[in-house]
Amino acid sequence: MADVLQDPEIMGYLQDPEVQAALQDIMSNPGNMSKYQGNPKVVKVFEKLNSKFGR
C-alpha cells in the first residue's frame, strides 16, 4: 500500500474530486463500476491500482 501512496500519478488522481466521488460510489456498491467505464480518469486509477497490486 505504501507503494501506491508514493506514486505521484495515483496521488494526483486521488485528489481529484470527480475521482474521489467515483471511488466512494464504487466502494459503496462495486456494481457501480460500470457507470465509470467511460471515464478515462477513473479507468486509469483502477488500471494503476491493479498494476500495483499485481492483478
PDB file of N, CA and C in Angstrom:
ATOM      1  N   MET A   1       0.826  -1.194   0.000  1.00  0.00           N
ATOM      2  CA  MET A   1       0.000   0.000   0.000  1.00  0.00           C
ATOM      3  C   MET A   1       0.870   1.257   0.000  1.00  0.00           C
ATOM      4  N   ALA A   2       2.001   1.207   0.679  1.00  0.00           N
ATOM      5  CA  ALA A   2       2.891   2.366   0.711  1.00  0.00           C
ATOM      6  C   ALA A   2       3.360   2.726  -0.694  1.00  0.00           C
ATOM      7  N   ASP A   3       3.548   1.701  -1.536  1.00  0.00           N
ATOM      8  CA  ASP A   3       3.963   1.930  -2.920  1.00  0.00           C
ATOM      9  C   ASP A   3       2.921   2.775  -3.653  1.00  0.00           C
ATOM     10  N   VAL A   4       1.653   2.521  -3.381  1.00  0.00           N
ATOM     11  CA  VAL A   4       0.567   3.274  -4.011  1.00  0.00           C
ATOM     12  C   VAL A   4       0.630   4.736  -3.586  1.00  0.00           C
ATOM     13  N   LEU A   5       0.863   4.964  -2.301  1.00  0.00           N
ATOM     14  CA  LEU A   5       0.870   6.321  -1.778  1.00  0.00           C
ATOM     15  C   LEU A   5       2.100   7.117  -2.220  1.00  0.00           C
ATOM     16  N   GLN A   6       3.103   6.427  -2.738  1.00  0.00           N
ATOM     17  CA  GLN A   6       4.299   7.111  -3.216  1.00  0.00           C
ATOM     18  C   GLN A   6       4.254   7.367  -4.720  1.00  0.00           C
ATOM     19  N   ASP A   7       3.202   6.909  -5.380  1.00  0.00           N
ATOM     20  CA  ASP A   7       3.067   7.119  -6.818  1.00  0.00           C
ATOM     21  C   ASP A   7       2.399   8.473  -7.052  1.00  0.00           C
ATOM     22  N   PRO A   8       3.134   9.449  -7.585  1.00  0.00           N
ATOM     23  CA  PRO A   8       2.562  10.789  -7.756  1.00  0.00           C
ATOM     24  C   PRO A   8       1.363  10.826  -8.708  1.00  0.00           C
ATOM     25  N   GLU A   9       1.355   9.947  -9.694  1.00  0.00           N
ATOM     26  CA  GLU A   9       0.222   9.937 -10.625  1.00  0.00           C
ATOM     27  C   GLU A   9      -1.052   9.487  -9.907  1.00  0.00           C
ATOM     28  N   ILE A  10      -0.953   8.409  -9.136  1.00  0.00           N
ATOM     29  CA  ILE A  10      -2.120   7.925  -8.393  1.00  0.00           C
ATOM     30  C   ILE A  10      -2.569   8.977  -7.383  1.00  0.00           C
ATOM     31  N   MET A  11      -1.623   9.561  -6.674  1.00  0.00           N
ATOM     32  CA  MET A  11      -1.979  10.576  -5.680  1.00  0.00           C
ATOM     33  C   MET A  11      -2.665  11.775  -6.333  1.00  0.00           C
ATOM     34  N   GLY A  12      -2.221  12.142  -7.514  1.00  0.00           N
ATOM     35  CA  GLY A  12      -2.873  13.226  -8.238  1.00  0.00           C
ATOM     36  C   GLY A  12      -4.315  12.899  -8.573  1.00  0.00           C
ATOM     37  N   TYR A  13      -4.531  11.692  -9.048  1.00  0.00           N
ATOM     38  CA  TYR A  13      -5.903  11.266  -9.353  1.00  0.00           C
ATOM     39  C   TYR A  13      -6.753  11.213  -8.092  1.00  0.00           C
ATOM     40  N   LEU A  14      -6.189  10.740  -6.994  1.00  0.00           N
ATOM     41  CA  LEU A  14      -6.952  10.600  -5.759  1.00  0.00           C
ATOM     42  C   LEU A  14      -7.326  11.949  -5.154  1.00  0.00           C
ATOM     43  N   GLN A  15      -6.679  13.014  -5.576  1.00  0.00           N
ATOM     44  CA  GLN A  15      -7.021  14.346  -5.102  1.00  0.00           C
ATOM     45  C   GLN A  15      -8.088  15.004  -5.970  1.00  0.00           C
ATOM     46  N   ASP A  16      -8.420  14.383  -7.083  1.00  0.00           N
ATOM     47  CA  ASP A  16      -9.427  14.915  -7.997  1.00  0.00           C
ATOM     48  C   ASP A  16     -10.824  14.617  -7.420  1.00  0.00           C
ATOM     49  N   PRO A  17     -11.647  15.648  -7.178  1.00  0.00           N
ATOM     50  CA  PRO A  17     -12.980  15.431  -6.592  1.00  0.00           C
ATOM     51  C   PRO A  17     -13.854  14.470  -7.410  1.00  0.00           C
ATOM     52  N   GLU A  18     -13.726  14.511  -8.717  1.00  0.00           N
ATOM     53  CA  GLU A  18     -14.514  13.621  -9.571  1.00  0.00           C
ATOM     54  C   GLU A  18     -14.117  12.160  -9.330  1.00  0.00           C
ATOM     55  N   VAL A  19     -12.821  11.912  -9.239  1.00  0.00           N
ATOM     56  CA  VAL A  19     -12.323  10.560  -8.990  1.00  0.00           C
ATOM     57  C   VAL A  19     -12.695  10.123  -7.574  1.00  0.00           C
ATOM     58  N   GLN A  20     -12.573  11.025  -6.606  1.00  0.00           N
ATOM     59  CA  GLN A  20     -12.945  10.696  -5.231  1.00  0.00           C
ATOM     60  C   GLN A  20     -14.403  10.266  -5.148  1.00  0.00           C
ATOM     61  N   ALA A  21     -15.283  11.004  -5.796  1.00  0.00           N
ATOM     62  CA  ALA A  21     -16.706  10.674  -5.769  1.00  0.00           C
ATOM     63  C   ALA A  21     -16.962   9.320  -6.422  1.00  0.00           C
ATOM     64  N   ALA A  22     -16.290   9.060  -7.529  1.00  0.00           N
ATOM     65  CA  ALA A  22     -16.463   7.784  -8.219  1.00  0.00           C
ATOM     66  C   ALA A  22     -15.971   6.634  -7.346  1.00  0.00           C
ATOM     67  N   LEU A  23     -14.820   6.799  -6.704  1.00  0.00           N
ATOM     68  CA  LEU A  23     -14.280   5.739  -5.852  1.00  0.00           C
ATOM     69  C   LEU A  23     -15.199   5.468  -4.661  1.00  0.00           C
ATOM     70  N   GLN A  24     -15.752   6.509  -4.075  1.00  0.00           N
ATOM     71  CA  GLN A  24     -16.687   6.324  -2.967  1.00  0.00           C
ATOM     72  C   GLN A  24     -17.926   5.578  -3.440  1.00  0.00           C
ATOM     73  N   ASP A  25     -18.422   5.942  -4.606  1.00  0.00           N
ATOM     74  CA  ASP A  25     -19.597   5.279  -5.170  1.00  0.00           C
ATOM     75  C   ASP A  25     -19.313   3.798  -5.420  1.00  0.00           C
ATOM     76  N   ILE A  26     -18.144   3.506  -5.978  1.00  0.00           N
ATOM     77  CA  ILE A  26     -17.780   2.123  -6.292  1.00  0.00           C
ATOM     78  C   ILE A  26     -17.535   1.327  -5.020  1.00  0.00           C
ATOM     79  N   MET A  27     -16.930   1.946  -4.011  1.00  0.00           N
ATOM     80  CA  MET A  27     -16.696   1.235  -2.752  1.00  0.00           C
ATOM     81  C   MET A  27     -18.004   0.913  -2.044  1.00  0.00           C
ATOM     82  N   SER A  28     -18.992   1.781  -2.168  1.00  0.00           N
ATOM     83  CA  SER A  28     -20.280   1.516  -1.522  1.00  0.00           C
ATOM     84  C   SER A  28     -21.088   0.476  -2.291  1.00  0.00           C
ATOM     85  N   ASN A  29     -20.843   0.399  -3.607  1.00  0.00           N
ATOM     86  CA  ASN A  29     -21.541  -0.587  -4.430  1.00  0.00           C
ATOM     87  C   ASN A  29     -20.653  -0.929  -5.626  1.00  0.00           C
ATOM     88  N   PRO A  30     -19.882  -2.018  -5.533  1.00  0.00           N
ATOM     89  CA  PRO A  30     -18.955  -2.377  -6.617  1.00  0.00           C
ATOM     90  C   PRO A  30     -19.627  -2.523  -7.983  1.00  0.00           C
ATOM     91  N   GLY A  31     -20.907  -2.808  -8.007  1.00  0.00           N
ATOM     92  CA  GLY A  31     -21.619  -2.919  -9.270  1.00  0.00           C
ATOM     93  C   GLY A  31     -21.685  -1.602 -10.033  1.00  0.00           C
ATOM     94  N   ASN A  32     -21.416  -0.512  -9.346  1.00  0.00           N
ATOM     95  CA  ASN A  32     -21.447   0.806  -9.990  1.00  0.00           C
ATOM     96  C   ASN A  32     -20.220   1.070 -10.855  1.00  0.00           C
ATOM     97  N   MET A  33     -19.253   0.187 -10.837  1.00  0.00           N
ATOM     98  CA  MET A  33     -18.042   0.364 -11.655  1.00  0.00           C
ATOM     99  C   MET A  33     -18.406   0.568 -13.121  1.00  0.00           C
ATOM    100  N   SER A  34     -19.446  -0.096 -13.566  1.00  0.00           N
ATOM    101  CA  SER A  34     -19.831   0.016 -14.974  1.00  0.00           C
ATOM    102  C   SER A  34     -20.222   1.452 -15.345  1.00  0.00           C
ATOM    103  N   LYS A  35     -20.670   2.232 -14.361  1.00  0.00           N
ATOM    104  CA  LYS A  35     -21.038   3.624 -14.633  1.00  0.00           C
ATOM    105  C   LYS A  35     -19.834   4.468 -15.028  1.00  0.00           C
ATOM    106  N   TYR A  36     -18.646   4.018 -14.660  1.00  0.00           N
ATOM    107  CA  TYR A  36     -17.444   4.827 -14.852  1.00  0.00           C
ATOM    108  C   TYR A  36     -16.514   4.291 -15.935  1.00  0.00           C
ATOM    109  N   GLN A  37     -16.937   3.281 -16.660  1.00  0.00           N
ATOM    110  CA  GLN A  37     -16.077   2.708 -17.695  1.00  0.00           C
ATOM    111  C   GLN A  37     -15.748   3.698 -18.799  1.00  0.00           C
ATOM    112  N   GLY A  38     -16.568   4.711 -18.968  1.00  0.00           N
ATOM    113  CA  GLY A  38     -16.313   5.723 -19.983  1.00  0.00           C
ATOM    114  C   GLY A  38     -15.536   6.920 -19.462  1.00  0.00           C
ATOM    115  N   ASN A  39     -15.175   6.888 -18.186  1.00  0.00           N
ATOM    116  CA  ASN A  39     -14.444   7.997 -17.586  1.00  0.00           C
ATOM    117  C   ASN A  39     -12.958   7.650 -17.561  1.00  0.00           C
ATOM    118  N   PRO A  40     -12.167   8.268 -18.414  1.00  0.00           N
ATOM    119  CA  PRO A  40     -10.755   7.884 -18.523  1.00  0.00           C
ATOM    120  C   PRO A  40      -9.960   8.058 -17.232  1.00  0.00           C
ATOM    121  N   LYS A  41     -10.311   9.055 -16.414  1.00  0.00           N
ATOM    122  CA  LYS A  41      -9.574   9.247 -15.158  1.00  0.00           C
ATOM    123  C   LYS A  41      -9.820   8.085 -14.198  1.00  0.00           C
ATOM    124  N   VAL A  42     -11.060   7.665 -14.074  1.00  0.00           N
ATOM    125  CA  VAL A  42     -11.398   6.569 -13.160  1.00  0.00           C
ATOM    126  C   VAL A  42     -10.800   5.264 -13.669  1.00  0.00           C
ATOM    127  N   VAL A  43     -10.898   5.035 -14.959  1.00  0.00           N
ATOM    128  CA  VAL A  43     -10.320   3.827 -15.551  1.00  0.00           C
ATOM    129  C   VAL A  43      -8.809   3.795 -15.310  1.00  0.00           C
ATOM    130  N   LYS A  44      -8.152   4.922 -15.489  1.00  0.00           N
ATOM    131  CA  LYS A  44      -6.698   4.997 -15.300  1.00  0.00           C
ATOM    132  C   LYS A  44      -6.314   4.681 -13.851  1.00  0.00           C
ATOM    133  N   VAL A  45      -7.070   5.206 -12.903  1.00  0.00           N
ATOM    134  CA  VAL A  45      -6.787   4.924 -11.489  1.00  0.00           C
ATOM    135  C   VAL A  45      -6.870   3.431 -11.230  1.00  0.00           C
ATOM    136  N   PHE A  46      -7.910   2.798 -11.713  1.00  0.00           N
ATOM    137  CA  PHE A  46      -8.060   1.361 -11.472  1.00  0.00           C
ATOM    138  C   PHE A  46      -6.988   0.549 -12.191  1.00  0.00           C
ATOM    139  N   GLU A  47      -6.594   0.981 -13.368  1.00  0.00           N
ATOM    140  CA  GLU A  47      -5.501   0.288 -14.073  1.00  0.00           C
ATOM    141  C   GLU A  47      -4.221   0.391 -13.270  1.00  0.00           C
ATOM    142  N   LYS A  48      -3.920   1.585 -12.773  1.00  0.00           N
ATOM    143  CA  LYS A  48      -2.697   1.784 -11.980  1.00  0.00           C
ATOM    144  C   LYS A  48      -2.754   0.980 -10.681  1.00  0.00           C
ATOM    145  N   LEU A  49      -3.903   1.005 -10.004  1.00  0.00           N
ATOM    146  CA  LEU A  49      -4.037   0.255  -8.749  1.00  0.00           C
ATOM    147  C   LEU A  49      -3.900  -1.241  -8.997  1.00  0.00           C
ATOM    148  N   ASN A  50      -4.510  -1.721 -10.065  1.00  0.00           N
ATOM    149  CA  ASN A  50      -4.388  -3.154 -10.392  1.00  0.00           C
ATOM    150  C   ASN A  50      -2.942  -3.528 -10.682  1.00  0.00           C
ATOM    151  N   SER A  51      -2.209  -2.655 -11.350  1.00  0.00           N
ATOM    152  CA  SER A  51      -0.812  -2.973 -11.647  1.00  0.00           C
ATOM    153  C   SER A  51       0.023  -2.971 -10.365  1.00  0.00           C
ATOM    154  N   LYS A  52      -0.294  -2.107  -9.432  1.00  0.00           N
ATOM    155  CA  LYS A  52       0.446  -2.047  -8.165  1.00  0.00           C
ATOM    156  C   LYS A  52       0.185  -3.265  -7.299  1.00  0.00           C
ATOM    157  N   PHE A  53      -1.040  -3.793  -7.390  1.00  0.00           N
ATOM    158  CA  PHE A  53      -1.403  -4.938  -6.557  1.00  0.00           C
ATOM    159  C   PHE A  53      -1.244  -6.260  -7.302  1.00  0.00           C
ATOM    160  N   GLY A  54      -0.651  -6.196  -8.501  1.00  0.00           N
ATOM    161  CA  GLY A  54      -0.335  -7.400  -9.249  1.00  0.00           C
ATOM    162  C   GLY A  54      -1.513  -8.164  -9.798  1.00  0.00           C
ATOM    163  N   ARG A  55      -2.548  -7.455 -10.149  1.00  0.00           N
ATOM    164  CA  ARG A  55      -3.737  -8.114 -10.725  1.00  0.00           C
ATOM    165  C   ARG A  55      -3.802  -7.895 -12.194  1.00  0.00           C
TER     166      ARG A  55
END
